[in-house]
């Protein structure tokens, strides 16, 4: 395993959770992948090496704020991708 494989962006998990919470029956894998990319590009990166570190050092209020921002980013991304879908 390379050192790059040892880090992750905490927002990836939060955006994925927000996508699951807003999922519609008609959502395709391609559409959701585009939504995830657009949403993540609207959020700052929060890298961590061990998930326990993020959970231990992250204040409850900060986590709540990050979840709200993730949900908002997903909602905006859904509209953007829907409006800009390719043929």
Protein backbone atom coordinates (compact mmCIF):
# COMPACT_ATOMS: atom_id res chain seq x y z
CA UNK A 1 0.00 0.00 0.00
CA UNK A 2 1.35 3.42 -0.93
CA UNK A 3 1.31 6.35 1.46
CA UNK A 4 -1.41 7.96 -0.72
CA UNK A 5 -3.75 5.07 0.02
CA UNK A 6 -3.45 5.86 3.73
CA UNK A 7 -5.37 9.19 3.61
CA UNK A 8 -8.99 10.05 2.89
CA UNK A 9 -11.19 13.12 2.60
CA UNK A 10 -13.77 13.16 5.42
CA UNK A 11 -16.26 14.99 3.19
CA UNK A 12 -16.43 11.98 0.86
CA UNK A 13 -18.24 9.97 3.54
CA UNK A 14 -20.54 12.89 4.43
CA UNK A 15 -21.45 13.56 0.79
CA UNK A 16 -22.11 9.87 0.20
CA UNK A 17 -24.41 9.84 3.24
CA UNK A 18 -26.24 12.94 1.94
CA UNK A 19 -26.66 11.34 -1.48
CA UNK A 20 -28.12 8.21 0.12
CA UNK A 21 -30.52 10.34 2.18
CA UNK A 22 -31.81 12.16 -0.91
CA UNK A 23 -31.80 9.23 -3.34
CA UNK A 24 -34.65 8.86 -5.84
CA UNK A 25 -35.71 5.67 -7.63
CA UNK A 26 -34.70 7.13 -11.00
CA UNK A 27 -31.14 8.04 -9.98
CA UNK A 28 -28.58 6.22 -12.11
CA UNK A 29 -25.05 5.37 -11.02
CA UNK A 30 -23.66 7.84 -13.60
CA UNK A 31 -25.91 10.62 -12.33
CA UNK A 32 -24.98 10.00 -8.70
CA UNK A 33 -21.28 9.86 -9.54
CA UNK A 34 -21.56 13.25 -11.24
CA UNK A 35 -23.50 14.62 -8.25
CA UNK A 36 -20.80 13.40 -5.88
CA UNK A 37 -18.04 15.04 -7.95
CA UNK A 38 -19.88 18.37 -8.19
CA UNK A 39 -20.76 18.36 -4.50
CA UNK A 40 -17.19 17.55 -3.41
CA UNK A 41 -15.84 20.34 -5.61
CA UNK A 42 -18.04 22.78 -3.68
CA UNK A 43 -16.64 21.71 -0.30
CA UNK A 44 -13.22 22.11 1.29
CA UNK A 45 -11.07 19.03 1.67
CA UNK A 46 -10.71 17.60 5.20
CA UNK A 47 -8.07 14.92 4.98
CA UNK A 48 -7.39 12.40 7.70
CA UNK A 49 -5.25 9.35 8.11
CA UNK A 50 -7.25 7.41 10.71
CA UNK A 51 -11.01 7.85 10.99
CA UNK A 52 -10.79 7.58 14.76
CA UNK A 53 -8.68 10.76 14.72
CA UNK A 54 -11.41 12.71 12.94
CA UNK A 55 -14.12 11.46 15.27
CA UNK A 56 -12.04 12.12 18.40
CA UNK A 57 -10.85 15.63 17.52
CA UNK A 58 -13.96 16.87 15.71
CA UNK A 59 -16.36 18.86 17.91
CA UNK A 60 -20.02 17.84 17.74
CA UNK A 61 -21.02 21.28 16.45
CA UNK A 62 -18.36 21.15 13.73
CA UNK A 63 -19.53 17.71 12.57
CA UNK A 64 -23.14 18.94 12.50
CA UNK A 65 -22.07 21.95 10.41
CA UNK A 66 -20.13 19.70 8.01
CA UNK A 67 -23.17 17.44 7.56
CA UNK A 68 -25.40 20.45 6.82
CA UNK A 69 -22.89 21.80 4.29
CA UNK A 70 -22.66 18.37 2.66
CA UNK A 71 -26.42 18.10 2.28
CA UNK A 72 -26.62 21.62 0.83
CA UNK A 73 -23.80 20.83 -1.62
CA UNK A 74 -25.60 17.66 -2.73
CA UNK A 75 -28.86 19.53 -3.31
CA UNK A 76 -27.09 22.16 -5.43
CA UNK A 77 -25.13 19.46 -7.26
CA UNK A 78 -28.31 17.51 -8.09
CA UNK A 79 -29.83 20.59 -9.70
CA UNK A 80 -26.61 21.42 -11.55
CA UNK A 81 -26.14 17.91 -12.93
CA UNK A 82 -29.81 17.64 -13.91
CA UNK A 83 -29.57 20.94 -15.83
CA UNK A 84 -26.28 20.00 -17.53
CA UNK A 85 -26.85 16.34 -18.42
CA UNK A 86 -25.37 15.17 -21.66
CA UNK A 87 -27.76 14.08 -24.41
